[in-house]
N, C-alpha and C. Protein backbone atom coordinates (compact mmCIF):
# COMPACT_ATOMS: atom_id res chain seq x y z
N MET A 1 0.85 -1.19 0.00
CA MET A 1 0.00 0.00 0.00
C MET A 1 0.89 1.25 0.00
N PRO A 2 0.69 2.19 -0.91
CA PRO A 2 1.54 3.39 -0.97
C PRO A 2 1.35 4.27 0.25
N ASP A 3 2.42 4.95 0.60
CA ASP A 3 2.41 5.87 1.73
C ASP A 3 1.66 7.14 1.32
N ALA A 4 0.60 7.48 2.02
CA ALA A 4 -0.23 8.64 1.67
C ALA A 4 0.52 9.95 1.86
N ARG A 5 1.57 9.93 2.66
CA ARG A 5 2.32 11.17 2.90
C ARG A 5 3.32 11.46 1.79
N ARG A 6 3.65 10.47 0.98
CA ARG A 6 4.62 10.67 -0.10
C ARG A 6 3.88 10.92 -1.41
N PRO A 7 4.41 11.77 -2.25
CA PRO A 7 3.72 12.13 -3.47
C PRO A 7 3.67 11.04 -4.53
N GLY A 8 4.37 9.97 -4.36
CA GLY A 8 4.28 8.86 -5.31
C GLY A 8 5.38 8.86 -6.34
N ARG A 9 5.54 7.70 -6.96
CA ARG A 9 6.61 7.48 -7.93
C ARG A 9 6.45 8.38 -9.16
N LEU A 10 5.24 8.63 -9.58
CA LEU A 10 5.01 9.47 -10.76
C LEU A 10 5.61 10.86 -10.55
N ALA A 11 5.38 11.44 -9.38
CA ALA A 11 5.91 12.78 -9.11
C ALA A 11 7.43 12.78 -9.14
N GLU A 12 8.05 11.70 -8.69
CA GLU A 12 9.51 11.63 -8.65
C GLU A 12 10.12 11.60 -10.05
N THR A 13 9.35 11.16 -11.05
CA THR A 13 9.86 11.11 -12.42
C THR A 13 9.53 12.37 -13.21
N GLN A 14 8.76 13.26 -12.64
CA GLN A 14 8.39 14.48 -13.35
C GLN A 14 9.50 15.51 -13.26
N ASP A 15 9.55 16.37 -14.26
CA ASP A 15 10.56 17.43 -14.24
C ASP A 15 10.11 18.56 -13.31
N ASP A 16 11.01 19.50 -13.08
CA ASP A 16 10.72 20.59 -12.14
C ASP A 16 9.47 21.37 -12.51
N ALA A 17 9.31 21.68 -13.80
CA ALA A 17 8.16 22.48 -14.23
C ALA A 17 6.85 21.76 -13.93
N GLN A 18 6.80 20.47 -14.16
CA GLN A 18 5.59 19.71 -13.87
C GLN A 18 5.29 19.70 -12.37
N LEU A 19 6.34 19.54 -11.57
CA LEU A 19 6.15 19.53 -10.12
C LEU A 19 5.67 20.89 -9.62
N VAL A 20 6.28 21.95 -10.12
CA VAL A 20 5.88 23.30 -9.70
C VAL A 20 4.42 23.53 -10.07
N THR A 21 4.01 23.11 -11.26
CA THR A 21 2.62 23.26 -11.67
C THR A 21 1.69 22.52 -10.72
N ARG A 22 2.06 21.31 -10.35
CA ARG A 22 1.24 20.52 -9.42
C ARG A 22 1.17 21.19 -8.04
N ILE A 23 2.28 21.72 -7.59
CA ILE A 23 2.32 22.38 -6.27
C ILE A 23 1.42 23.61 -6.28
N LEU A 24 1.55 24.41 -7.33
CA LEU A 24 0.73 25.62 -7.43
C LEU A 24 -0.75 25.29 -7.57
N ALA A 25 -1.05 24.10 -8.07
CA ALA A 25 -2.45 23.66 -8.20
C ALA A 25 -2.97 23.06 -6.90
N GLY A 26 -2.13 23.01 -5.87
CA GLY A 26 -2.60 22.54 -4.57
C GLY A 26 -1.99 21.25 -4.07
N ASP A 27 -1.15 20.60 -4.85
CA ASP A 27 -0.53 19.34 -4.44
C ASP A 27 0.80 19.63 -3.74
N GLN A 28 0.71 20.16 -2.51
CA GLN A 28 1.90 20.59 -1.78
C GLN A 28 2.86 19.44 -1.48
N GLU A 29 2.36 18.21 -1.45
CA GLU A 29 3.22 17.06 -1.17
C GLU A 29 4.33 16.90 -2.21
N CYS A 30 4.11 17.40 -3.42
CA CYS A 30 5.13 17.30 -4.47
C CYS A 30 6.38 18.10 -4.14
N TYR A 31 6.24 19.05 -3.23
CA TYR A 31 7.42 19.86 -2.88
C TYR A 31 8.51 18.99 -2.26
N SER A 32 8.12 17.92 -1.59
CA SER A 32 9.12 17.04 -0.98
C SER A 32 10.02 16.41 -2.04
N VAL A 33 9.51 16.21 -3.24
CA VAL A 33 10.33 15.68 -4.33
C VAL A 33 11.40 16.69 -4.71
N LEU A 34 11.01 17.95 -4.80
CA LEU A 34 11.98 19.00 -5.11
C LEU A 34 13.01 19.14 -4.00
N VAL A 35 12.57 19.04 -2.76
CA VAL A 35 13.51 19.11 -1.63
C VAL A 35 14.53 17.98 -1.73
N GLU A 36 14.06 16.77 -1.93
CA GLU A 36 14.98 15.63 -2.05
C GLU A 36 15.92 15.79 -3.24
N ARG A 37 15.41 16.34 -4.31
CA ARG A 37 16.20 16.50 -5.54
C ARG A 37 17.35 17.49 -5.34
N TYR A 38 17.15 18.54 -4.56
CA TYR A 38 18.13 19.62 -4.48
C TYR A 38 18.85 19.77 -3.15
N GLN A 39 18.39 19.13 -2.09
CA GLN A 39 18.97 19.43 -0.78
C GLN A 39 20.45 19.08 -0.67
N GLY A 40 20.90 18.00 -1.26
CA GLY A 40 22.31 17.62 -1.16
C GLY A 40 23.23 18.66 -1.77
N GLY A 41 22.92 19.06 -2.98
CA GLY A 41 23.75 20.05 -3.66
C GLY A 41 23.71 21.41 -2.98
N LEU A 42 22.53 21.80 -2.52
CA LEU A 42 22.42 23.08 -1.81
C LEU A 42 23.24 23.06 -0.53
N TYR A 43 23.17 21.96 0.19
CA TYR A 43 23.91 21.86 1.45
C TYR A 43 25.41 21.93 1.19
N ARG A 44 25.90 21.19 0.19
CA ARG A 44 27.34 21.21 -0.10
C ARG A 44 27.79 22.63 -0.47
N TYR A 45 26.98 23.32 -1.25
CA TYR A 45 27.32 24.70 -1.63
C TYR A 45 27.36 25.59 -0.38
N ALA A 46 26.31 25.54 0.43
CA ALA A 46 26.24 26.39 1.62
C ALA A 46 27.38 26.08 2.58
N LEU A 47 27.68 24.81 2.76
CA LEU A 47 28.78 24.43 3.66
C LEU A 47 30.11 24.98 3.15
N GLY A 48 30.31 24.92 1.85
CA GLY A 48 31.53 25.48 1.28
C GLY A 48 31.63 26.98 1.47
N MET A 49 30.49 27.65 1.48
CA MET A 49 30.50 29.11 1.62
C MET A 49 30.63 29.56 3.07
N VAL A 50 29.88 28.95 3.98
CA VAL A 50 29.87 29.44 5.36
C VAL A 50 30.72 28.59 6.31
N ARG A 51 31.10 27.36 5.88
CA ARG A 51 32.00 26.48 6.61
C ARG A 51 31.53 26.16 8.03
N ASP A 52 30.23 26.03 8.19
CA ASP A 52 29.64 25.65 9.46
C ASP A 52 28.42 24.79 9.13
N SER A 53 28.45 23.52 9.55
CA SER A 53 27.41 22.59 9.11
C SER A 53 26.01 22.98 9.61
N ASP A 54 25.90 23.43 10.85
CA ASP A 54 24.59 23.82 11.37
C ASP A 54 24.05 25.04 10.63
N LEU A 55 24.91 26.01 10.42
CA LEU A 55 24.51 27.22 9.71
C LEU A 55 24.15 26.89 8.26
N ALA A 56 24.92 26.01 7.62
CA ALA A 56 24.62 25.62 6.24
C ALA A 56 23.24 24.97 6.18
N SER A 57 22.95 24.08 7.12
CA SER A 57 21.63 23.44 7.16
C SER A 57 20.53 24.47 7.34
N ASP A 58 20.74 25.44 8.22
CA ASP A 58 19.75 26.48 8.45
C ASP A 58 19.52 27.32 7.19
N LEU A 59 20.60 27.67 6.50
CA LEU A 59 20.47 28.48 5.29
C LEU A 59 19.73 27.71 4.19
N VAL A 60 20.02 26.42 4.07
CA VAL A 60 19.32 25.61 3.08
C VAL A 60 17.84 25.51 3.42
N GLN A 61 17.55 25.24 4.68
CA GLN A 61 16.14 25.14 5.11
C GLN A 61 15.42 26.46 4.85
N ASP A 62 16.06 27.56 5.19
CA ASP A 62 15.47 28.88 4.98
C ASP A 62 15.23 29.12 3.49
N SER A 63 16.15 28.66 2.65
CA SER A 63 15.99 28.83 1.21
C SER A 63 14.82 28.02 0.67
N PHE A 64 14.65 26.81 1.18
CA PHE A 64 13.51 26.00 0.75
C PHE A 64 12.19 26.64 1.18
N VAL A 65 12.15 27.18 2.38
CA VAL A 65 10.94 27.85 2.86
C VAL A 65 10.64 29.07 2.00
N LYS A 66 11.66 29.87 1.74
CA LYS A 66 11.50 31.06 0.90
C LYS A 66 11.02 30.68 -0.49
N ALA A 67 11.60 29.63 -1.06
CA ALA A 67 11.18 29.19 -2.39
C ALA A 67 9.73 28.74 -2.38
N TYR A 68 9.34 28.01 -1.36
CA TYR A 68 7.97 27.52 -1.28
C TYR A 68 6.98 28.68 -1.17
N THR A 69 7.28 29.63 -0.28
CA THR A 69 6.35 30.74 -0.08
C THR A 69 6.34 31.71 -1.26
N SER A 70 7.39 31.69 -2.07
CA SER A 70 7.48 32.60 -3.22
C SER A 70 7.34 31.87 -4.55
N LEU A 71 6.86 30.65 -4.53
CA LEU A 71 6.85 29.81 -5.72
C LEU A 71 6.14 30.46 -6.90
N ARG A 72 5.10 31.22 -6.63
CA ARG A 72 4.38 31.89 -7.72
C ARG A 72 5.24 32.91 -8.45
N SER A 73 6.30 33.38 -7.80
CA SER A 73 7.17 34.37 -8.45
C SER A 73 8.27 33.72 -9.29
N CYS A 74 8.34 32.40 -9.29
CA CYS A 74 9.32 31.68 -10.13
C CYS A 74 8.85 31.82 -11.58
N GLN A 75 9.53 32.65 -12.34
CA GLN A 75 9.08 32.97 -13.69
C GLN A 75 9.24 31.84 -14.68
N ASP A 76 10.22 30.96 -14.46
CA ASP A 76 10.44 29.84 -15.37
C ASP A 76 10.56 28.55 -14.55
N PRO A 77 9.42 27.89 -14.30
CA PRO A 77 9.44 26.67 -13.48
C PRO A 77 10.39 25.59 -13.99
N ALA A 78 10.69 25.59 -15.28
CA ALA A 78 11.64 24.61 -15.82
C ALA A 78 13.04 24.87 -15.27
N ARG A 79 13.30 26.08 -14.82
CA ARG A 79 14.60 26.46 -14.24
C ARG A 79 14.48 26.62 -12.73
N PHE A 80 13.58 25.88 -12.11
CA PHE A 80 13.38 25.95 -10.67
C PHE A 80 14.69 25.77 -9.91
N GLY A 81 15.51 24.81 -10.31
CA GLY A 81 16.77 24.54 -9.62
C GLY A 81 17.68 25.76 -9.60
N ALA A 82 17.83 26.42 -10.73
CA ALA A 82 18.66 27.62 -10.78
C ALA A 82 18.08 28.73 -9.92
N TRP A 83 16.76 28.87 -9.94
CA TRP A 83 16.07 29.88 -9.13
C TRP A 83 16.29 29.60 -7.64
N LEU A 84 16.18 28.34 -7.26
CA LEU A 84 16.39 27.94 -5.88
C LEU A 84 17.83 28.18 -5.44
N TYR A 85 18.81 27.84 -6.30
CA TYR A 85 20.21 28.10 -5.98
C TYR A 85 20.44 29.59 -5.80
N ARG A 86 19.78 30.39 -6.62
CA ARG A 86 19.93 31.85 -6.52
C ARG A 86 19.45 32.35 -5.15
N ILE A 87 18.36 31.78 -4.66
CA ILE A 87 17.86 32.13 -3.33
C ILE A 87 18.92 31.79 -2.29
N LEU A 88 19.50 30.60 -2.38
CA LEU A 88 20.53 30.19 -1.42
C LEU A 88 21.78 31.06 -1.55
N VAL A 89 22.19 31.33 -2.76
CA VAL A 89 23.37 32.19 -2.97
C VAL A 89 23.15 33.53 -2.26
N ASN A 90 21.98 34.11 -2.43
CA ASN A 90 21.68 35.39 -1.78
C ASN A 90 21.66 35.26 -0.27
N ARG A 91 21.12 34.16 0.25
CA ARG A 91 21.10 33.92 1.70
C ARG A 91 22.53 33.84 2.24
N CYS A 92 23.38 33.11 1.54
CA CYS A 92 24.78 32.97 1.97
C CYS A 92 25.49 34.32 1.93
N LYS A 93 25.28 35.06 0.86
CA LYS A 93 25.92 36.38 0.74
C LYS A 93 25.43 37.32 1.85
N ASP A 94 24.13 37.31 2.11
CA ASP A 94 23.60 38.15 3.18
C ASP A 94 24.22 37.79 4.52
N HIS A 95 24.34 36.50 4.78
CA HIS A 95 24.95 36.07 6.04
C HIS A 95 26.41 36.53 6.13
N LEU A 96 27.15 36.30 5.06
CA LEU A 96 28.57 36.66 5.09
C LEU A 96 28.76 38.18 5.22
N LYS A 97 27.89 38.94 4.58
CA LYS A 97 27.98 40.40 4.70
C LYS A 97 27.65 40.85 6.12
N SER A 98 26.61 40.25 6.70
CA SER A 98 26.19 40.70 8.03
C SER A 98 27.18 40.29 9.10
N ARG A 99 27.83 39.19 8.93
CA ARG A 99 28.77 38.70 9.95
C ARG A 99 30.21 39.06 9.66
N ARG A 100 30.51 39.34 8.39
CA ARG A 100 31.90 39.61 7.99
C ARG A 100 32.84 38.56 8.57
N ARG A 101 32.48 37.32 8.30
CA ARG A 101 33.27 36.20 8.82
C ARG A 101 34.48 35.97 7.94
N HIS A 102 35.63 36.06 8.53
CA HIS A 102 36.87 35.76 7.82
C HIS A 102 37.77 34.91 8.69
N THR A 103 37.17 34.15 9.57
CA THR A 103 37.97 33.31 10.45
C THR A 103 37.72 31.85 10.12
N VAL A 104 38.69 31.04 10.45
CA VAL A 104 38.56 29.61 10.24
C VAL A 104 37.88 29.02 11.45
N PRO A 105 36.81 28.21 11.28
CA PRO A 105 36.14 27.63 12.44
C PRO A 105 37.06 26.63 13.14
N LEU A 106 36.85 26.49 14.42
CA LEU A 106 37.61 25.50 15.16
C LEU A 106 37.25 24.12 14.65
N GLU A 107 38.25 23.29 14.51
CA GLU A 107 38.00 21.92 14.05
C GLU A 107 37.28 21.16 15.14
N GLU A 108 36.31 20.35 14.74
CA GLU A 108 35.64 19.51 15.72
C GLU A 108 36.61 18.42 16.15
N GLU A 109 36.55 18.08 17.43
CA GLU A 109 37.42 17.02 17.91
C GLU A 109 36.93 15.71 17.33
N THR A 110 37.89 14.88 16.93
CA THR A 110 37.54 13.57 16.40
C THR A 110 37.94 12.52 17.41
N ALA A 111 37.20 11.44 17.43
CA ALA A 111 37.50 10.35 18.36
C ALA A 111 38.82 9.72 17.97
N ALA A 112 39.58 9.31 18.95
CA ALA A 112 40.87 8.68 18.69
C ALA A 112 40.64 7.34 18.02
N ALA A 113 41.33 7.11 16.94
CA ALA A 113 41.19 5.86 16.20
C ALA A 113 42.29 4.90 16.65
N PRO A 114 42.03 3.63 16.58
CA PRO A 114 43.07 2.67 16.93
C PRO A 114 44.23 2.78 15.96
N GLU A 115 45.43 2.50 16.42
CA GLU A 115 46.62 2.59 15.59
C GLU A 115 46.57 1.54 14.49
N SER A 116 46.68 1.97 13.26
CA SER A 116 46.76 1.07 12.12
C SER A 116 47.11 1.90 10.92
N ASP A 117 47.36 1.26 9.81
CA ASP A 117 47.65 2.00 8.58
C ASP A 117 46.46 2.85 8.17
N GLY A 118 45.25 2.33 8.41
CA GLY A 118 44.04 3.08 8.08
C GLY A 118 43.91 4.36 8.88
N ALA A 119 44.32 4.32 10.14
CA ALA A 119 44.27 5.50 10.99
C ALA A 119 45.21 6.58 10.46
N SER A 120 46.38 6.18 10.02
CA SER A 120 47.35 7.12 9.47
C SER A 120 46.80 7.77 8.20
N LEU A 121 46.20 6.94 7.34
CA LEU A 121 45.62 7.46 6.11
C LEU A 121 44.48 8.42 6.43
N GLU A 122 43.63 8.07 7.39
CA GLU A 122 42.51 8.94 7.78
C GLU A 122 43.03 10.25 8.36
N ALA A 123 44.10 10.20 9.14
CA ALA A 123 44.69 11.42 9.70
C ALA A 123 45.21 12.32 8.58
N ASP A 124 45.82 11.70 7.57
CA ASP A 124 46.31 12.48 6.43
C ASP A 124 45.15 13.15 5.69
N ARG A 125 44.06 12.40 5.51
CA ARG A 125 42.89 12.97 4.83
C ARG A 125 42.28 14.10 5.63
N THR A 126 42.19 13.92 6.94
CA THR A 126 41.64 14.96 7.80
C THR A 126 42.51 16.21 7.74
N SER A 127 43.81 16.01 7.77
CA SER A 127 44.74 17.13 7.68
C SER A 127 44.60 17.85 6.34
N LEU A 128 44.52 17.07 5.27
CA LEU A 128 44.37 17.66 3.93
C LEU A 128 43.05 18.41 3.82
N ARG A 129 41.97 17.84 4.37
CA ARG A 129 40.67 18.50 4.34
C ARG A 129 40.75 19.84 5.08
N GLY A 130 41.37 19.84 6.25
CA GLY A 130 41.51 21.08 7.01
C GLY A 130 42.34 22.11 6.27
N THR A 131 43.41 21.66 5.64
CA THR A 131 44.26 22.56 4.86
C THR A 131 43.48 23.16 3.70
N MET A 132 42.70 22.33 3.03
CA MET A 132 41.91 22.81 1.90
C MET A 132 40.84 23.80 2.37
N GLU A 133 40.19 23.52 3.49
CA GLU A 133 39.18 24.44 4.02
C GLU A 133 39.80 25.79 4.37
N ARG A 134 40.98 25.76 4.98
CA ARG A 134 41.67 27.02 5.32
C ARG A 134 42.07 27.77 4.06
N ALA A 135 42.53 27.03 3.05
CA ALA A 135 42.91 27.67 1.78
C ALA A 135 41.68 28.30 1.12
N LEU A 136 40.56 27.59 1.12
CA LEU A 136 39.32 28.15 0.55
C LEU A 136 38.89 29.40 1.30
N ALA A 137 39.12 29.41 2.61
CA ALA A 137 38.72 30.57 3.42
C ALA A 137 39.50 31.82 3.05
N THR A 138 40.68 31.66 2.45
CA THR A 138 41.47 32.83 2.07
C THR A 138 40.97 33.49 0.79
N LEU A 139 40.14 32.78 0.04
CA LEU A 139 39.65 33.32 -1.23
C LEU A 139 38.59 34.38 -0.99
N PRO A 140 38.54 35.39 -1.87
CA PRO A 140 37.41 36.32 -1.81
C PRO A 140 36.11 35.55 -2.05
N GLU A 141 35.04 36.04 -1.49
CA GLU A 141 33.75 35.36 -1.55
C GLU A 141 33.34 34.98 -2.97
N ALA A 142 33.48 35.88 -3.92
CA ALA A 142 33.04 35.61 -5.30
C ALA A 142 33.86 34.49 -5.93
N GLN A 143 35.16 34.44 -5.64
CA GLN A 143 36.00 33.37 -6.18
C GLN A 143 35.67 32.03 -5.52
N ARG A 144 35.49 32.03 -4.21
CA ARG A 144 35.16 30.80 -3.48
C ARG A 144 33.83 30.24 -3.99
N GLU A 145 32.86 31.13 -4.16
CA GLU A 145 31.54 30.73 -4.65
C GLU A 145 31.64 30.08 -6.03
N ALA A 146 32.34 30.71 -6.95
CA ALA A 146 32.49 30.18 -8.31
C ALA A 146 33.27 28.87 -8.30
N PHE A 147 34.33 28.80 -7.52
CA PHE A 147 35.14 27.59 -7.44
C PHE A 147 34.31 26.41 -6.92
N LEU A 148 33.54 26.64 -5.87
CA LEU A 148 32.73 25.56 -5.29
C LEU A 148 31.66 25.07 -6.26
N LEU A 149 31.00 26.00 -6.93
CA LEU A 149 29.98 25.59 -7.89
C LEU A 149 30.58 24.80 -9.04
N LYS A 150 31.75 25.21 -9.51
CA LYS A 150 32.38 24.54 -10.65
C LYS A 150 32.96 23.19 -10.25
N HIS A 151 33.70 23.14 -9.16
CA HIS A 151 34.45 21.93 -8.84
C HIS A 151 33.80 21.02 -7.81
N LEU A 152 32.99 21.55 -6.94
CA LEU A 152 32.30 20.69 -5.97
C LEU A 152 30.94 20.25 -6.52
N GLU A 153 30.21 21.20 -7.05
CA GLU A 153 28.88 20.90 -7.58
C GLU A 153 28.91 20.49 -9.05
N GLU A 154 30.06 20.67 -9.71
CA GLU A 154 30.24 20.30 -11.11
C GLU A 154 29.20 20.95 -12.03
N ARG A 155 28.96 22.23 -11.79
CA ARG A 155 28.02 23.00 -12.61
C ARG A 155 28.71 23.51 -13.86
N SER A 156 27.95 23.67 -14.92
CA SER A 156 28.49 24.28 -16.13
C SER A 156 28.57 25.79 -15.90
N TYR A 157 29.38 26.44 -16.70
CA TYR A 157 29.48 27.89 -16.56
C TYR A 157 28.14 28.57 -16.89
N GLU A 158 27.39 27.99 -17.79
CA GLU A 158 26.09 28.55 -18.14
C GLU A 158 25.12 28.46 -16.96
N GLU A 159 25.12 27.30 -16.27
CA GLU A 159 24.28 27.16 -15.08
C GLU A 159 24.72 28.15 -14.00
N MET A 160 26.02 28.27 -13.83
CA MET A 160 26.54 29.20 -12.82
C MET A 160 26.13 30.63 -13.14
N ALA A 161 26.20 30.99 -14.41
CA ALA A 161 25.84 32.35 -14.82
C ALA A 161 24.38 32.64 -14.48
N GLU A 162 23.52 31.66 -14.71
CA GLU A 162 22.11 31.86 -14.39
C GLU A 162 21.89 31.96 -12.88
N MET A 163 22.59 31.13 -12.12
CA MET A 163 22.44 31.15 -10.66
C MET A 163 22.97 32.42 -10.03
N LEU A 164 24.11 32.89 -10.53
CA LEU A 164 24.79 33.99 -9.87
C LEU A 164 24.55 35.34 -10.53
N GLY A 165 23.96 35.35 -11.70
CA GLY A 165 23.72 36.62 -12.38
C GLY A 165 25.00 37.27 -12.86
N ALA A 166 25.98 36.46 -13.25
CA ALA A 166 27.25 36.96 -13.75
C ALA A 166 27.48 36.37 -15.14
N SER A 167 28.36 36.98 -15.91
CA SER A 167 28.64 36.46 -17.25
C SER A 167 29.51 35.22 -17.17
N VAL A 168 29.44 34.41 -18.20
CA VAL A 168 30.26 33.20 -18.27
C VAL A 168 31.74 33.56 -18.20
N SER A 169 32.14 34.59 -18.94
CA SER A 169 33.56 34.97 -18.95
C SER A 169 34.01 35.44 -17.56
N ALA A 170 33.17 36.16 -16.86
CA ALA A 170 33.54 36.60 -15.50
C ALA A 170 33.69 35.40 -14.58
N LEU A 171 32.81 34.42 -14.73
CA LEU A 171 32.88 33.23 -13.88
C LEU A 171 34.11 32.40 -14.20
N LYS A 172 34.46 32.29 -15.47
CA LYS A 172 35.68 31.57 -15.85
C LYS A 172 36.90 32.24 -15.22
N MET A 173 36.89 33.55 -15.22
CA MET A 173 38.01 34.30 -14.63
C MET A 173 38.06 34.08 -13.12
N ARG A 174 36.90 34.08 -12.45
CA ARG A 174 36.87 33.85 -11.00
C ARG A 174 37.40 32.46 -10.65
N VAL A 175 36.97 31.47 -11.42
CA VAL A 175 37.43 30.09 -11.16
C VAL A 175 38.94 30.00 -11.39
N MET A 176 39.41 30.59 -12.47
CA MET A 176 40.85 30.55 -12.76
C MET A 176 41.64 31.24 -11.64
N ARG A 177 41.19 32.40 -11.22
CA ARG A 177 41.90 33.11 -10.14
C ARG A 177 41.83 32.34 -8.82
N ALA A 178 40.71 31.70 -8.58
CA ALA A 178 40.59 30.88 -7.36
C ALA A 178 41.57 29.73 -7.41
N ARG A 179 41.67 29.05 -8.56
CA ARG A 179 42.62 27.94 -8.71
C ARG A 179 44.04 28.42 -8.47
N GLU A 180 44.39 29.56 -9.08
CA GLU A 180 45.75 30.09 -8.92
C GLU A 180 46.04 30.43 -7.45
N ALA A 181 45.07 31.06 -6.79
CA ALA A 181 45.26 31.43 -5.38
C ALA A 181 45.38 30.18 -4.51
N LEU A 182 44.55 29.19 -4.78
CA LEU A 182 44.62 27.95 -3.99
C LEU A 182 45.94 27.23 -4.22
N GLN A 183 46.42 27.22 -5.46
CA GLN A 183 47.71 26.59 -5.74
C GLN A 183 48.82 27.29 -4.98
N ALA A 184 48.78 28.62 -4.94
CA ALA A 184 49.82 29.37 -4.24
C ALA A 184 49.78 29.07 -2.74
N VAL A 185 48.57 29.05 -2.17
CA VAL A 185 48.44 28.78 -0.74
C VAL A 185 48.89 27.36 -0.42
N LEU A 186 48.44 26.41 -1.23
CA LEU A 186 48.77 25.00 -0.98
C LEU A 186 50.25 24.72 -1.24
N ARG A 187 50.84 25.41 -2.20
CA ARG A 187 52.28 25.26 -2.43
C ARG A 187 53.07 25.67 -1.18
N GLY A 188 52.63 26.74 -0.55
CA GLY A 188 53.28 27.21 0.68
C GLY A 188 53.16 26.22 1.82
N VAL A 189 52.06 25.48 1.86
CA VAL A 189 51.85 24.49 2.91
C VAL A 189 52.73 23.27 2.68
N VAL A 190 52.85 22.85 1.42
CA VAL A 190 53.60 21.64 1.08
C VAL A 190 55.11 21.86 1.20
N GLU A 191 55.57 23.05 0.88
CA GLU A 191 57.02 23.32 0.90
C GLU A 191 57.59 23.39 2.28
């Protein structure tokens, strides 16, 4: 027997425009399909921008609520994903502007692992992850944003341009400058 709380398999196979149409027609349960479809990517983007998992979750949740309450203003339901990312991008920018955060968060303590080759490898990965996070923190916001969308979210420059309201050439330049800056920072760490 199908779960009455879930919108069903048909809704999961529909594209964004079809789901938005159904939601606007009163089938609010279809919104859960859109949430499932986009929450992972939105969270990774937000985490890369604000570098705090709780805050990233809050910003993503806030973006989903804003999108739901403003769904009628989505001018092109087929581009719902880009519209939703734009809401999150603006939320992240607003947060960063209001807080002017330029500090590296304290690393969470990790449980001591038993001594083994795997523990050494995990320690190296943790160290590398921390180094990369600190290097990303040194980038200007616009470069970090473009770098994360291109390399973490694997977005095309065209998708990025629609999400961020910037030209493709400007985004290519931001990604290139971010790569160069990260290489310089990481070279200093390795040497």
